[in-house]
Amino acid sequence: MRVGESTTDEHRAFALSILIFWTVHYFVLTALAKLSGATAMFDLSLRRIPLTMLAMLLCYAIYRYLRRRRGGSFWRLAVMAGGLALAAAAIYGLVTTIVFAFIAPIRNFGPYQWRMFLEDSFIWLYSFFSWAAIHLAMVYSFEVSDRERRLVKVEALAHQAQVHALRYQINPHFLFNTLNSISSMIWDRELKGAEAMLVSLSAFLRTTLEIDPSEDVTLSQEIALQQLYLEIEQIRFFERLKVEIDIPSELADARVPSLILQPLVENAIKYAVAPSKGVTRLRIAANRSDDSLMLHIEDDGSVTQVAGGTGVGLRNVRQRLAARFGERWSLDAGPAIRQGYRVTLGMPLQYAAT
């Protein structure tokens, strides 16, 4: 189900709940009035129709307001719903008092005193609180369903990301370049370099195969994997690739989706390092911004991804972040201030549960 379809279904469900609740409420009040022997039943029932419609509008306004405030604590949302229900009951009680006492008083209904406003507000408070409880139950149900749907999508996209990473690892072009570099080193008697490349390639393949694509990893683990990959590329490009890693120690245990940096690092190698004739610096950094973890991948290559890229890597990362964090993520990509290309990821700062 697409996001737009899910939103439409939610609007329809909440609007229907408001309609059903206040329609039932109207008929219950009408039946109680009849059983109590109230006079002018027909006039009373007619006057309650626009008042019932007002109650529906108030509840719909509460729903729209609370919908924009979601994303935080459920109990905070519950307190807000209670406060708004109290305000709506007061407004409804005031309008009821004005209608029955001044605008369209019912004959033989008896004098309508202002103290009855408090009595009416208390009665309507029970009604609006009842609807607020139903609303919160529906919100919780929708959030659970959305969380389950996103979890399924996260697992599918994470598995797909792992498949893409493995496909790149066994890509003939990648293996040809790596093995060709190893062969050249052996031919030139650079046995230590050839051995280092073989060890890095073996460790990179083994580590990637051991990763569970449905699980998050620590930032230090994700960086270690990218370093294994970059060690291979540094041997391939010799002095042309310089790598800088700037990860604060307090963020080392932050949780990130596994392989989330892989497409971005690959893009930097492909579009910045490979075409360049001079030295290209690739920098991976992290910092904290309020309650968010910010990850930066930047190069100073002369060829940018804007010019040569297809956007597949960025699209893959966007899809995974959206599936994993809903709306609590960001991705900014574009030319760096001076030269090269820069990608910045933002996601909630989370640590493993202790």
Protein backbone atom coordinates (compact mmCIF):
# COMPACT_ATOMS: atom_id res chain seq x y z
CA MET A 1 0.00 0.00 0.00
CA ARG A 2 1.37 3.38 -0.99
CA VAL A 3 1.61 6.25 1.48
CA GLY A 4 -1.11 8.20 -0.29
CA GLU A 5 -3.49 5.26 -0.15
CA SER A 6 -2.76 4.70 3.54
CA THR A 7 -3.45 8.38 4.33
CA THR A 8 -6.73 8.32 2.41
CA ASP A 9 -7.86 5.18 4.21
CA GLU A 10 -7.02 6.77 7.56
CA HIS A 11 -9.00 9.94 6.78
CA ARG A 12 -11.95 7.84 5.71
CA ALA A 13 -11.81 5.67 8.84
CA PHE A 14 -11.64 8.60 11.27
CA ALA A 15 -14.37 10.55 9.45
CA LEU A 16 -16.60 7.47 9.51
CA SER A 17 -15.93 6.95 13.23
CA ILE A 18 -17.01 10.54 13.96
CA LEU A 19 -20.16 10.17 11.85
CA ILE A 20 -21.17 6.87 13.48
CA PHE A 21 -20.39 7.99 17.04
CA TRP A 22 -22.44 11.21 16.92
CA THR A 23 -25.28 9.66 14.93
CA VAL A 24 -25.65 6.99 17.60
CA HIS A 25 -25.28 9.72 20.23
CA TYR A 26 -28.12 11.70 18.64
CA PHE A 27 -30.54 8.77 18.60
CA VAL A 28 -29.61 7.77 22.16
CA LEU A 29 -30.36 11.29 23.43
CA THR A 30 -33.62 11.34 21.49
CA ALA A 31 -34.66 8.00 22.94
CA LEU A 32 -33.75 9.05 26.48
CA ALA A 33 -35.74 12.28 26.11
CA LYS A 34 -38.76 10.34 24.95
CA LEU A 35 -38.49 7.85 27.80
CA SER A 36 -38.22 10.69 30.30
CA GLY A 37 -41.51 12.12 29.02
CA ALA A 38 -40.07 15.39 27.71
CA THR A 39 -42.51 17.62 25.88
CA ALA A 40 -41.96 19.15 22.43
CA MET A 41 -40.05 16.07 21.35
CA PHE A 42 -40.26 16.93 17.65
CA ASP A 43 -38.88 20.44 18.12
CA LEU A 44 -36.18 19.15 20.44
CA SER A 45 -35.09 16.50 17.93
CA LEU A 46 -34.93 19.03 15.09
CA ARG A 47 -32.81 21.43 17.13
CA ARG A 48 -30.38 18.69 18.00
CA ILE A 49 -29.56 17.96 14.33
CA PRO A 50 -27.41 21.10 13.72
CA LEU A 51 -25.92 20.71 17.20
CA THR A 52 -24.92 17.15 16.38
CA MET A 53 -23.33 18.37 13.16
CA LEU A 54 -21.40 20.94 15.22
CA ALA A 55 -20.11 18.13 17.47
CA MET A 56 -18.95 16.26 14.37
CA LEU A 57 -17.10 19.33 13.11
CA LEU A 58 -15.44 19.86 16.49
CA CYS A 59 -14.25 16.25 16.59
CA TYR A 60 -12.98 16.42 13.03
CA ALA A 61 -11.04 19.59 13.90
CA ILE A 62 -9.54 17.79 16.90
CA TYR A 63 -8.57 14.86 14.67
CA ARG A 64 -6.87 17.15 12.13
CA TYR A 65 -4.98 19.01 14.86
CA LEU A 66 -3.80 15.85 16.63
CA ARG A 67 -2.76 14.27 13.36
CA ARG A 68 -0.20 17.03 12.84
CA ARG A 69 1.14 16.47 16.36
CA ARG A 70 1.86 12.76 16.02
CA GLY A 71 5.35 11.32 16.10
CA GLY A 72 6.11 11.90 19.77
CA SER A 73 4.97 10.19 22.95
CA PHE A 74 1.57 8.49 22.85
CA TRP A 75 0.81 9.75 26.36
CA ARG A 76 1.54 13.32 25.28
CA LEU A 77 -0.98 12.83 22.47
CA ALA A 78 -3.49 11.45 24.99
CA VAL A 79 -3.11 14.50 27.24
CA MET A 80 -3.61 16.80 24.26
CA ALA A 81 -6.70 14.84 23.21
CA GLY A 82 -8.14 15.18 26.72
CA GLY A 83 -7.52 18.91 26.81
CA LEU A 84 -9.10 19.42 23.41
CA ALA A 85 -12.09 17.28 24.40
CA LEU A 86 -12.56 19.52 27.45
CA ALA A 87 -12.45 22.64 25.26
CA ALA A 88 -14.85 21.11 22.74
CA ALA A 89 -17.30 20.18 25.51
CA ALA A 90 -17.23 23.76 26.80
CA ILE A 91 -17.84 25.17 23.31
CA TYR A 92 -20.64 22.69 22.65
CA GLY A 93 -22.23 23.35 26.02
CA LEU A 94 -22.13 27.10 25.44
CA VAL A 95 -23.70 26.81 21.98
CA THR A 96 -26.39 24.47 23.36
CA THR A 97 -27.20 26.95 26.10
CA ILE A 98 -27.46 29.86 23.64
CA VAL A 99 -29.64 27.88 21.21
CA PHE A 100 -32.09 26.49 23.76
CA ALA A 101 -32.24 29.62 25.95
CA PHE A 102 -32.13 32.53 23.49
CA ILE A 103 -32.19 31.65 19.78
CA ALA A 104 -34.86 28.96 19.61
CA PRO A 105 -36.30 28.33 23.08
CA ILE A 106 -38.67 25.37 23.26
CA ARG A 107 -42.18 26.08 24.51
CA ASN A 108 -42.97 24.42 27.83
CA PHE A 109 -39.32 23.48 28.13
CA GLY A 110 -38.94 25.58 31.27
CA PRO A 111 -36.60 28.46 32.11
CA TYR A 112 -33.01 27.92 30.96
CA GLN A 113 -30.56 29.28 33.50
CA TRP A 114 -26.86 29.91 32.98
CA ARG A 115 -25.95 27.40 35.66
CA MET A 116 -27.28 24.80 33.26
CA PHE A 117 -24.31 25.64 31.02
CA LEU A 118 -22.01 23.93 33.54
CA GLU A 119 -24.36 20.99 33.80
CA ASP A 120 -24.53 20.65 30.01
CA SER A 121 -20.77 21.00 29.64
CA PHE A 122 -20.24 18.20 32.14
CA ILE A 123 -22.62 15.94 30.21
CA TRP A 124 -20.97 16.76 26.90
CA LEU A 125 -17.54 16.29 28.48
CA TYR A 126 -18.38 12.63 28.97
CA SER A 127 -19.43 12.37 25.33
CA PHE A 128 -16.32 14.10 23.95
CA PHE A 129 -14.03 12.12 26.26
CA SER A 130 -15.66 8.91 25.01
CA TRP A 131 -14.99 9.91 21.42
CA ALA A 132 -11.39 10.94 22.32
CA ALA A 133 -10.82 7.46 23.79
CA ILE A 134 -12.08 5.88 20.56
CA HIS A 135 -9.84 8.24 18.57
CA LEU A 136 -6.74 7.29 20.58
CA ALA A 137 -7.51 3.60 20.20
CA MET A 138 -7.72 4.05 16.43
CA VAL A 139 -4.47 6.07 16.37
CA TYR A 140 -2.70 3.30 18.27
CA SER A 141 -4.13 0.69 15.90
CA PHE A 142 -3.01 2.64 12.81
CA GLU A 143 0.47 3.22 14.27
CA VAL A 144 0.91 -0.49 15.04
CA SER A 145 -0.22 -1.42 11.53
CA ASP A 146 2.05 1.21 9.99
CA ARG A 147 4.99 0.04 12.10
CA GLU A 148 4.44 -3.57 11.02
CA ARG A 149 4.11 -2.53 7.38
CA ARG A 150 7.32 -0.49 7.57
CA LEU A 151 9.14 -3.36 9.29
CA VAL A 152 8.26 -5.69 6.46
CA LYS A 153 9.43 -3.08 3.95
CA VAL A 154 12.65 -2.48 5.90
CA GLU A 155 13.48 -6.17 5.84
CA ALA A 156 12.76 -6.41 2.12
CA LEU A 157 14.80 -3.31 1.24
CA ALA A 158 17.63 -4.32 3.56
CA HIS A 159 17.80 -7.71 1.89
CA GLN A 160 17.72 -6.01 -1.49
CA ALA A 161 20.56 -3.71 -0.42
CA GLN A 162 22.63 -6.71 0.63
CA VAL A 163 21.97 -8.37 -2.71
CA HIS A 164 23.08 -5.20 -4.53
CA ALA A 165 26.23 -5.04 -2.41
CA LEU A 166 27.03 -8.69 -3.07
CA ARG A 167 26.33 -8.23 -6.77
CA TYR A 168 28.84 -5.38 -6.85
CA GLN A 169 31.37 -7.47 -4.97
CA ILE A 170 31.21 -10.27 -7.52
CA ASN A 171 30.78 -7.93 -10.44
CA PRO A 172 33.25 -9.03 -13.17
CA HIS A 173 34.53 -5.48 -13.57
CA PHE A 174 35.19 -5.14 -9.85
CA LEU A 175 36.85 -8.56 -9.60
CA PHE A 176 38.84 -7.94 -12.77
CA ASN A 177 40.26 -4.68 -11.45
CA THR A 178 41.04 -6.18 -8.05
CA LEU A 179 42.59 -9.38 -9.39
CA ASN A 180 44.45 -7.45 -12.07
CA SER A 181 45.95 -5.22 -9.39
CA ILE A 182 46.96 -8.28 -7.38
CA SER A 183 48.48 -9.88 -10.47
CA SER A 184 50.44 -6.74 -11.29
CA MET A 185 51.79 -6.55 -7.76
CA ILE A 186 52.90 -10.17 -7.86
CA TRP A 187 54.55 -9.59 -11.26
CA ASP A 188 56.33 -6.55 -9.86
CA ARG A 189 57.36 -8.50 -6.76
CA GLU A 190 55.16 -6.31 -4.53
CA LEU A 191 54.13 -9.31 -2.50
CA LYS A 192 53.17 -7.38 0.61
CA GLY A 193 50.78 -5.19 -1.36
CA ALA A 194 49.25 -8.20 -3.11
CA GLU A 195 48.82 -9.99 0.19
CA ALA A 196 47.23 -6.91 1.78
CA MET A 197 44.72 -6.63 -1.07
CA LEU A 198 43.82 -10.32 -0.83
CA VAL A 199 43.34 -10.07 2.93
CA SER A 200 41.17 -6.96 2.55
CA LEU A 201 39.08 -8.55 -0.20
CA SER A 202 38.58 -11.71 1.86
CA ALA A 203 37.62 -9.76 4.99
CA PHE A 204 35.24 -7.53 3.04
CA LEU A 205 33.43 -10.48 1.44
CA ARG A 206 33.26 -12.45 4.69
CA THR A 207 31.99 -9.51 6.75
CA THR A 208 29.32 -8.63 4.23
CA LEU A 209 28.08 -12.21 4.08
CA GLU A 210 27.80 -12.33 7.87
CA ILE A 211 25.64 -9.20 8.11
CA ASP A 212 21.96 -9.73 8.87
CA PRO A 213 20.26 -7.27 6.48
CA SER A 214 17.22 -6.90 8.77
CA GLU A 215 19.29 -5.78 11.78
CA ASP A 216 20.88 -2.44 12.56
CA VAL A 217 24.60 -2.25 13.25
CA THR A 218 26.67 0.17 15.28
CA LEU A 219 28.17 3.11 13.47
CA SER A 220 31.64 1.77 14.24
CA GLN A 221 30.76 -1.53 12.55
CA GLU A 222 29.41 0.25 9.49
CA ILE A 223 32.56 2.40 9.28
CA ALA A 224 34.78 -0.68 9.70
CA LEU A 225 33.05 -2.32 6.75
CA GLN A 226 33.52 0.76 4.59
CA GLN A 227 37.19 0.89 5.60
CA LEU A 228 37.65 -2.69 4.39
CA TYR A 229 36.15 -1.71 1.08
CA LEU A 230 38.22 1.46 0.85
CA GLU A 231 41.44 -0.41 1.65
CA ILE A 232 40.92 -2.36 -1.56
CA GLU A 233 40.21 0.81 -3.52
CA GLN A 234 43.23 2.58 -2.01
CA ILE A 235 45.48 -0.18 -3.27
CA ARG A 236 43.84 -0.01 -6.70
CA PHE A 237 44.18 3.78 -6.97
CA PHE A 238 47.43 3.93 -4.98
CA GLU A 239 48.18 7.58 -4.10
CA ARG A 240 45.09 8.96 -5.87
CA LEU A 241 42.68 8.13 -3.04
CA LYS A 242 43.01 9.65 0.41
CA VAL A 243 40.47 8.65 3.07
CA GLU A 244 39.54 10.67 6.14
CA ILE A 245 37.34 9.23 8.91
CA ASP A 246 35.97 11.55 11.60
CA ILE A 247 33.65 9.69 13.97
CA PRO A 248 33.34 11.00 17.57
CA SER A 249 33.79 8.26 20.15
CA GLU A 250 30.44 9.03 21.77
CA LEU A 251 28.69 8.15 18.47
CA ALA A 252 30.55 4.89 17.85
CA ASP A 253 27.74 2.79 19.34
CA ALA A 254 24.89 4.64 17.62
CA ARG A 255 22.67 2.31 15.59
CA VAL A 256 22.39 2.70 11.81
CA PRO A 257 20.87 0.51 9.08
CA SER A 258 23.44 -1.98 7.84
CA LEU A 259 25.20 -1.09 4.57
CA ILE A 260 23.50 2.33 4.50
CA LEU A 261 26.77 4.04 3.50
CA GLN A 262 27.82 1.45 0.89
CA PRO A 263 26.03 2.96 -2.15
CA LEU A 264 27.29 6.45 -1.27
CA VAL A 265 30.91 5.37 -0.88
CA GLU A 266 30.69 3.37 -4.11
CA ASN A 267 29.35 6.44 -5.92
CA ALA A 268 32.26 8.54 -4.63
CA ILE A 269 34.78 6.00 -5.93
CA LYS A 270 33.04 5.61 -9.28
CA TYR A 271 32.30 9.25 -10.07
CA ALA A 272 35.01 11.15 -8.20
CA VAL A 273 38.09 8.98 -7.74
CA ALA A 274 38.10 6.80 -10.86
CA PRO A 275 37.89 9.63 -13.45
CA SER A 276 40.35 11.86 -11.58
CA LYS A 277 44.04 12.09 -12.49
CA GLY A 278 45.11 13.73 -9.25
CA VAL A 279 44.62 13.08 -5.58
CA THR A 280 40.98 12.82 -4.44
CA ARG A 281 40.04 12.99 -0.80
CA LEU A 282 37.05 11.07 0.50
CA ARG A 283 35.79 12.06 3.93
CA ILE A 284 33.31 10.16 6.10
CA ALA A 285 32.18 12.04 9.20
CA ALA A 286 29.44 12.02 11.82
CA ASN A 287 28.04 14.46 14.32
CA ARG A 288 25.06 14.91 16.58
CA SER A 289 22.39 17.53 15.95
CA ASP A 290 19.86 17.63 18.79
CA ASP A 291 18.36 14.12 18.78
CA SER A 292 19.57 13.26 15.29
CA LEU A 293 22.63 11.47 13.98
CA MET A 294 24.13 13.22 10.95
CA LEU A 295 26.41 11.29 8.57
CA HIS A 296 28.47 13.04 5.89
CA ILE A 297 30.18 11.54 2.81
CA GLU A 298 32.14 14.13 0.86
CA ASP A 299 34.75 14.07 -1.89
CA ASP A 300 36.72 16.80 -3.63
CA GLY A 301 36.78 15.16 -7.05
CA SER A 302 36.59 17.23 -10.20
CA VAL A 303 33.74 15.10 -11.61
CA THR A 304 30.51 15.17 -9.60
CA GLN A 305 27.76 12.60 -9.37
CA VAL A 306 25.37 15.20 -10.75
CA ALA A 307 27.22 15.01 -14.04
CA GLY A 308 27.82 11.28 -14.24
CA GLY A 309 25.42 9.53 -11.87
CA THR A 310 22.08 7.87 -12.47
CA GLY A 311 20.74 8.40 -8.94
CA VAL A 312 20.29 4.67 -8.24
CA GLY A 313 22.47 4.73 -5.11
CA LEU A 314 20.78 7.81 -3.65
CA ARG A 315 17.34 6.42 -4.43
CA ASN A 316 18.20 3.17 -2.67
CA VAL A 317 19.33 5.05 0.44
CA ARG A 318 16.22 7.26 0.45
CA GLN A 319 13.94 4.23 0.23
CA ARG A 320 15.69 2.46 3.08
CA LEU A 321 15.62 5.53 5.34
CA ALA A 322 11.93 6.15 4.63
CA ALA A 323 11.07 2.52 5.34
CA ARG A 324 13.14 2.42 8.52
CA PHE A 325 12.31 5.81 10.07
CA GLY A 326 9.06 6.97 8.46
CA GLU A 327 9.28 10.77 8.29
CA ARG A 328 12.13 11.16 10.80
CA TRP A 329 15.02 11.26 8.33
CA SER A 330 16.69 13.57 5.85
CA LEU A 331 19.04 13.28 2.88
CA ASP A 332 20.74 16.26 1.25
CA ALA A 333 22.93 15.67 -1.78
CA GLY A 334 24.66 18.08 -4.10
CA PRO A 335 27.93 19.76 -5.05
CA ALA A 336 30.25 20.60 -2.18
CA ILE A 337 30.97 24.22 -1.35
CA ARG A 338 34.38 24.31 -3.04
CA GLN A 339 34.66 21.23 -5.21
CA GLY A 340 33.32 17.71 -5.42
CA TYR A 341 30.14 16.20 -4.04
CA ARG A 342 28.60 15.94 -0.58
CA VAL A 343 25.83 13.75 0.84
CA THR A 344 24.41 14.26 4.33
CA LEU A 345 22.13 11.74 6.01
CA GLY A 346 20.01 12.50 9.06
CA MET A 347 18.29 9.90 11.23
CA PRO A 348 17.15 9.53 14.86
CA LEU A 349 20.05 9.04 17.26
CA GLN A 350 19.49 5.61 18.78
CA TYR A 351 21.60 3.24 20.83
CA ALA A 352 21.20 -0.45 21.52
CA ALA A 353 18.79 -1.20 24.36
CA THR A 354 20.63 -2.14 27.55
